[in-house]
Structures are given as C-alpha cells and as structure tokens.
C-alpha cells in the first residue's frame, strides 16, 4: 500500500496588512479544494503519525501560531466558506479576558469588515466559540512564548507546559493534547516534559514530510510566507514526497545554528 506524507502548513496572521491577506488565504483554500485536498483533524493525524491508521493522499493540516484575533475575524469566515478546519496554538498568557461580545469596542468597525487588520489576541470566549464551531481545535503555544534558548531557563519548561494546559482546561473545559514550540526552539528534554504534562503531539517549525509512523513528538511544518498559490503548490508537492525530509534536514541544521545566536 502506498504510504502518503501529510504536509502541515503554519500560519500566524491572515490580515490585510500581513504576508497572507484574506484575499490570498481565500485563493489558497480555493486551490486546495480544487486540487482535492482536505484537512485532517488531530486525532486522525496522530493515528497517522503513530502508524496506526495512515491517512490517504491529499490530506493536509492547517495550523495558526500565537492566537491572534484575525484568526477568528478574518480566517474563520474563509475556512467556513471552503469547508476546511484548522488548529490554533494559543499562547495562554496573551489571551485576552474581554468577552467576544465587545470585540467591536476593542477593534474599529473596518476591522470587522476586513478592511483593516484586527489588533491584539483572541479572547477566551472567542477561543470557546472557535472550538464549538467544529472548525478549530485548540493547542498550546506554551504559557508565555519565551525564547527558551536564550531568555528563559530550560528548567522552566515543565511549568510553562503545565500552566498552559491547566489554563486551557479551566477556561475551555478540555485538556489540550498538542503543543507548538515558540520560535521552533526545543531541546530533547522538552519532549519528555510535554509528555509528562499530558501532551502527545509536539509541532516544530522544521519543514519536512510527515509520513505514517514518523512519530508525533517532532512534527514538521512549513511556514506559509506569501499569498502566491503557485508557491504553495510547489511546497505541497515537496512535502508530500520523501525529498521533503532531505530539505527539512538541511533547513533544521541551519535553524539550529541561527538559534544559537538569537538574542530576541
């Protein structure tokens, strides 16, 4: 049986003044639909990664890091339009306490109409609505999004992971199973920390091919840096093949070297 790899797309913003605009995101989703792609959920993706139930061809996973307001205000209507779903990795210390009902007071009216980028992060009520819509799953992006290579001691990671998981459980009523490392920086010890905190999926920022049985604690992703559909098409072709792992290995080495010198 042919064993297909699953590309994971990494977004941060979808907004008029960002790399990926609402019009560009709309075009990307339309392209995915036209080409026969569909979105996997975390449960089926985990089964694929452990080798229990490999996914068929043309499955992708869409992810959003940090938990920005535009994920709900700009990306959600387009995901709904095309019938896709996504995962939001929320930095729990940054999630706003204001209820979703006063979003209009926190953002200008033209933000809601899509003419201007939303400011700030999602609220807990918005995250709750997103999850209840069935179109979003919620994961952790740690509690504070510190740069654990430089600013924060590695020993703080267990507390970061536990605090984030506990807050999500308290506010949203479920324990998250997935975490995405801030900056993509992680140590091998973090994987054990994540497992101890109840996570069974960990997402990196290293691109590569997520083949059946490749494991669920070093999941590869590629960053969507532009609106261009032809660019996206080439990346999907790359990361659905074994060549994606070769490219990802080179990229991962380069990233680790850069992380050694990161100061922010």
Protein backbone atom coordinates (compact mmCIF):
# COMPACT_ATOMS: atom_id res chain seq x y z
CA UNK A 1 0.00 0.00 0.00
CA UNK A 2 1.28 3.48 -0.85
CA UNK A 3 2.10 5.49 2.27
CA UNK A 4 1.41 9.19 1.83
CA UNK A 5 3.01 12.07 3.74
CA UNK A 6 0.88 14.85 5.23
CA UNK A 7 2.11 18.46 4.86
CA UNK A 8 1.44 20.76 7.81
CA UNK A 9 1.00 24.44 6.94
CA UNK A 10 1.98 27.05 9.53
CA UNK A 11 0.30 30.45 9.58
CA UNK A 12 0.36 33.28 12.10
CA UNK A 13 -1.84 36.05 10.71
CA UNK A 14 -4.44 36.36 7.98
CA UNK A 15 -5.00 40.09 7.68
CA UNK A 16 -4.95 42.90 5.10
CA UNK A 17 -1.55 44.23 6.18
CA UNK A 18 0.21 40.88 6.63
CA UNK A 19 2.12 38.44 4.42
CA UNK A 20 -1.04 36.38 3.96
CA UNK A 21 -4.06 38.59 3.24
CA UNK A 22 -7.71 37.49 3.39
CA UNK A 23 -7.82 37.50 -0.43
CA UNK A 24 -4.65 35.44 -0.59
CA UNK A 25 -5.89 32.96 2.02
CA UNK A 26 -9.16 32.66 0.13
CA UNK A 27 -7.22 31.83 -3.05
CA UNK A 28 -5.09 29.26 -1.23
CA UNK A 29 -8.12 27.48 0.21
CA UNK A 30 -9.81 27.53 -3.19
CA UNK A 31 -6.67 25.98 -4.68
CA UNK A 32 -6.64 23.24 -2.03
CA UNK A 33 -10.30 22.49 -2.71
CA UNK A 34 -9.83 22.45 -6.48
CA UNK A 35 -6.89 20.06 -6.15
CA UNK A 36 -8.86 17.65 -3.96
CA UNK A 37 -7.12 18.33 -0.64
CA UNK A 38 -8.93 18.00 2.67
CA UNK A 39 -7.94 18.80 6.25
CA UNK A 40 -7.06 16.21 8.84
CA UNK A 41 -8.02 16.58 12.49
CA UNK A 42 -5.61 15.99 15.36
CA UNK A 43 -6.99 12.54 16.24
CA UNK A 44 -6.62 11.12 12.74
CA UNK A 45 -3.29 12.87 12.25
CA UNK A 46 -1.98 11.31 15.47
CA UNK A 47 -3.10 7.88 14.28
CA UNK A 48 -1.25 8.54 11.01
CA UNK A 49 1.94 9.60 12.78
CA UNK A 50 1.95 6.55 15.04
CA UNK A 51 1.33 4.27 12.07
CA UNK A 52 -1.98 3.02 13.46
CA UNK A 53 -4.11 4.39 10.59
CA UNK A 54 -2.18 6.00 7.71
CA UNK A 55 -4.05 8.81 6.01
CA UNK A 56 -4.81 8.80 2.28
CA UNK A 57 -3.19 11.14 -0.20
CA UNK A 58 -4.01 14.85 -0.32
CA UNK A 59 -4.52 15.34 3.39
CA UNK A 60 -3.12 18.49 5.00
CA UNK A 61 -3.18 20.10 8.44
CA UNK A 62 -3.61 23.86 8.79
CA UNK A 63 -2.15 25.49 11.91
CA UNK A 64 -2.07 29.02 13.36
CA UNK A 65 0.51 30.03 15.98
CA UNK A 66 0.08 32.51 18.86
CA UNK A 67 -3.70 33.08 18.89
CA UNK A 68 -4.20 36.37 17.07
CA UNK A 69 -7.63 37.97 16.76
CA UNK A 70 -7.52 37.82 12.97
CA UNK A 71 -7.57 34.01 13.11
CA UNK A 72 -11.22 34.30 14.13
CA UNK A 73 -12.23 37.53 12.42
CA UNK A 74 -10.51 37.03 9.06
CA UNK A 75 -9.51 33.36 8.69
CA UNK A 76 -12.63 31.75 10.15
CA UNK A 77 -15.14 33.03 7.56
CA UNK A 78 -12.89 31.77 4.76
CA UNK A 79 -12.36 28.37 6.37
CA UNK A 80 -16.15 28.10 6.73
CA UNK A 81 -16.66 29.16 3.11
CA UNK A 82 -14.42 26.39 1.80
CA UNK A 83 -15.23 23.71 4.36
CA UNK A 84 -11.79 23.48 5.95
CA UNK A 85 -10.67 23.33 9.57
CA UNK A 86 -7.54 24.34 11.47
CA UNK A 87 -5.61 24.16 14.74
CA UNK A 88 -4.83 27.28 16.78
CA UNK A 89 -1.85 27.11 19.14
CA UNK A 90 -2.64 29.70 21.82
CA UNK A 91 -0.08 31.49 23.98
CA UNK A 92 -2.23 31.39 27.08
CA UNK A 93 -0.67 34.37 28.91
CA UNK A 94 -1.58 36.57 25.94
CA UNK A 95 -5.20 35.51 25.54
CA UNK A 96 -7.40 38.48 26.37
CA UNK A 97 -10.04 38.46 29.07
CA UNK A 98 -12.51 40.70 27.26
CA UNK A 99 -15.62 38.79 26.10
CA UNK A 100 -16.14 38.31 22.39
CA UNK A 101 -19.34 40.34 22.51
CA UNK A 102 -17.42 43.59 22.88
CA UNK A 103 -14.99 42.88 20.05
CA UNK A 104 -16.43 45.89 18.23
CA UNK A 105 -15.25 48.07 21.12
CA UNK A 106 -11.75 46.61 21.02
CA UNK A 107 -11.37 46.84 17.24
CA UNK A 108 -12.54 49.50 14.77
CA UNK A 109 -15.59 48.76 12.64
CA UNK A 110 -13.49 48.49 9.49
CA UNK A 111 -11.58 45.66 11.17
CA UNK A 112 -14.73 43.57 11.28
CA UNK A 113 -15.43 44.22 7.61
CA UNK A 114 -11.94 43.02 6.70
CA UNK A 115 -10.64 46.40 5.56
CA UNK A 116 -8.18 46.68 8.39
CA UNK A 117 -6.15 44.21 10.45
CA UNK A 118 -7.54 43.24 13.86
CA UNK A 119 -5.31 44.17 16.77
CA UNK A 120 -4.40 42.03 19.71
CA UNK A 121 -5.07 38.44 20.62
CA UNK A 122 -8.15 36.30 20.86
CA UNK A 123 -10.30 36.25 23.97
CA UNK A 124 -11.16 33.08 25.85
CA UNK A 125 -14.78 33.44 24.74
CA UNK A 126 -13.65 33.60 21.12
CA UNK A 127 -11.49 30.50 21.54
CA UNK A 128 -14.51 28.75 23.05
CA UNK A 129 -16.68 29.77 20.08
CA UNK A 130 -13.99 28.66 17.65
CA UNK A 131 -13.79 25.21 19.20
CA UNK A 132 -17.56 24.85 19.43
CA UNK A 133 -17.87 25.73 15.75
CA UNK A 134 -16.19 22.42 14.95
CA UNK A 135 -13.78 24.21 12.64
CA UNK A 136 -10.94 24.79 15.10
CA UNK A 137 -9.02 22.65 17.52
CA UNK A 138 -7.02 24.37 20.24
CA UNK A 139 -3.47 23.53 21.27
CA UNK A 140 -0.82 25.16 23.43
CA UNK A 141 1.97 27.52 22.37
CA UNK A 142 3.27 27.43 25.98
CA UNK A 143 2.14 29.97 28.54
CA UNK A 144 4.44 32.97 27.90
CA UNK A 145 6.07 32.30 24.50
CA UNK A 146 9.54 32.91 25.94
CA UNK A 147 12.62 32.16 23.87
CA UNK A 148 13.71 29.10 25.81
CA UNK A 149 17.08 29.06 24.05
CA UNK A 150 18.05 32.44 25.49
CA UNK A 151 15.73 34.35 27.81
CA UNK A 152 14.17 31.57 29.82
CA UNK A 153 15.96 28.73 31.58
CA UNK A 154 15.18 25.29 30.22
CA UNK A 155 14.08 24.17 33.68
CA UNK A 156 11.04 26.47 33.34
CA UNK A 157 9.57 24.40 30.51
CA UNK A 158 7.65 21.91 32.71
CA UNK A 159 5.87 24.81 34.42
CA UNK A 160 5.18 26.54 31.09
CA UNK A 161 3.56 23.44 29.64
CA UNK A 162 1.56 22.61 32.75
CA UNK A 163 0.35 26.19 33.27
CA UNK A 164 -0.84 26.46 29.69
CA UNK A 165 -2.62 23.11 29.78
CA UNK A 166 -4.30 23.88 33.10
CA UNK A 167 -5.50 27.29 31.91
CA UNK A 168 -6.95 25.87 28.70
CA UNK A 169 -8.70 23.18 30.73
CA UNK A 170 -10.03 25.77 33.18
CA UNK A 171 -11.27 28.20 30.53
CA UNK A 172 -12.33 25.86 27.73
CA UNK A 173 -13.16 22.63 29.54
CA UNK A 174 -10.69 20.22 27.97
CA UNK A 175 -7.04 19.24 28.31
CA UNK A 176 -5.00 20.05 25.16
CA UNK A 177 -3.07 17.21 23.56
CA UNK A 178 -0.85 19.30 21.25
CA UNK A 179 1.86 21.91 21.69
CA UNK A 180 3.85 24.01 19.21
CA UNK A 181 7.26 25.22 20.38
CA UNK A 182 7.75 29.04 20.39
CA UNK A 183 10.30 30.07 17.76
CA UNK A 184 10.50 26.36 16.88
CA UNK A 185 13.24 26.05 19.51
CA UNK A 186 13.23 22.93 21.66
CA UNK A 187 15.55 20.51 23.41
CA UNK A 188 15.13 16.76 23.66
CA UNK A 189 14.23 17.19 27.33
CA UNK A 190 11.20 19.27 26.32
CA UNK A 191 9.65 16.23 24.69
CA UNK A 192 9.67 14.35 27.98
CA UNK A 193 8.34 17.48 29.72
CA UNK A 194 5.48 17.65 27.22
CA UNK A 195 4.60 14.00 27.70
CA UNK A 196 4.61 14.44 31.48
CA UNK A 197 2.18 17.36 31.11
CA UNK A 198 -0.21 15.21 29.07
CA UNK A 199 0.70 16.24 25.53
CA UNK A 200 1.10 13.53 22.92
CA UNK A 201 1.78 15.76 19.89
CA UNK A 202 4.55 18.38 19.53
CA UNK A 203 4.94 20.64 16.50
CA UNK A 204 8.24 22.14 15.31
CA UNK A 205 8.98 24.78 12.68
CA UNK A 206 11.30 22.49 10.74
CA UNK A 207 9.83 21.64 7.32
CA UNK A 208 9.61 18.02 6.26
CA UNK A 209 7.41 15.09 5.29
CA UNK A 210 5.11 13.65 7.96
CA UNK A 211 4.97 10.03 6.85
CA UNK A 212 2.97 7.26 8.53
CA UNK A 213 4.84 6.07 11.62
CA UNK A 214 7.20 9.07 11.68
CA UNK A 215 6.27 9.89 15.27
CA UNK A 216 4.09 12.53 16.90
CA UNK A 217 6.57 14.47 19.04
CA UNK A 218 8.68 16.10 16.31
CA UNK A 219 6.04 17.06 13.76
CA UNK A 220 7.35 19.08 10.84
CA UNK A 221 5.66 22.18 9.39
CA UNK A 222 6.39 24.73 6.71
CA UNK A 223 5.62 28.42 7.10
CA UNK A 224 3.26 29.97 4.56
CA UNK A 225 5.09 33.21 3.81
CA UNK A 226 3.07 34.66 0.95
CA UNK A 227 -0.24 34.73 -0.89
CA UNK A 228 1.14 33.14 -4.06
CA UNK A 229 -0.76 29.96 -4.95
CA UNK A 230 1.97 28.70 -7.29
CA UNK A 231 4.45 28.92 -4.39
CA UNK A 232 2.08 26.92 -2.19
CA UNK A 233 1.60 24.31 -4.91
CA UNK A 234 5.35 23.72 -5.12
CA UNK A 235 5.69 23.41 -1.34
CA UNK A 236 2.86 20.90 -1.13
CA UNK A 237 4.47 18.80 -3.84
CA UNK A 238 7.79 18.92 -1.99
CA UNK A 239 6.44 17.95 1.43
CA UNK A 240 4.24 15.16 0.13
CA UNK A 241 7.42 13.41 -1.07
CA UNK A 242 10.48 11.90 0.61
CA UNK A 243 12.56 14.76 -0.78
CA UNK A 244 10.90 16.98 1.79
CA UNK A 245 12.78 15.20 4.58
CA UNK A 246 16.12 15.88 2.91
CA UNK A 247 15.28 19.56 2.52
CA UNK A 248 13.95 19.69 6.06
CA UNK A 249 17.16 18.21 7.48
CA UNK A 250 19.23 20.94 5.83
CA UNK A 251 16.78 23.61 6.98
CA UNK A 252 16.76 22.21 10.51
CA UNK A 253 20.54 22.39 10.78
CA UNK A 254 20.51 25.99 9.56
CA UNK A 255 17.78 26.87 12.06
CA UNK A 256 19.66 25.31 14.98
CA UNK A 257 22.75 27.35 14.10
CA UNK A 258 20.68 30.56 13.93
CA UNK A 259 19.05 29.78 17.28
CA UNK A 260 22.47 29.73 18.93
CA UNK A 261 22.88 33.41 18.07
CA UNK A 262 19.32 34.63 18.61
CA UNK A 263 19.10 37.41 21.15
CA UNK A 264 15.40 38.40 20.98
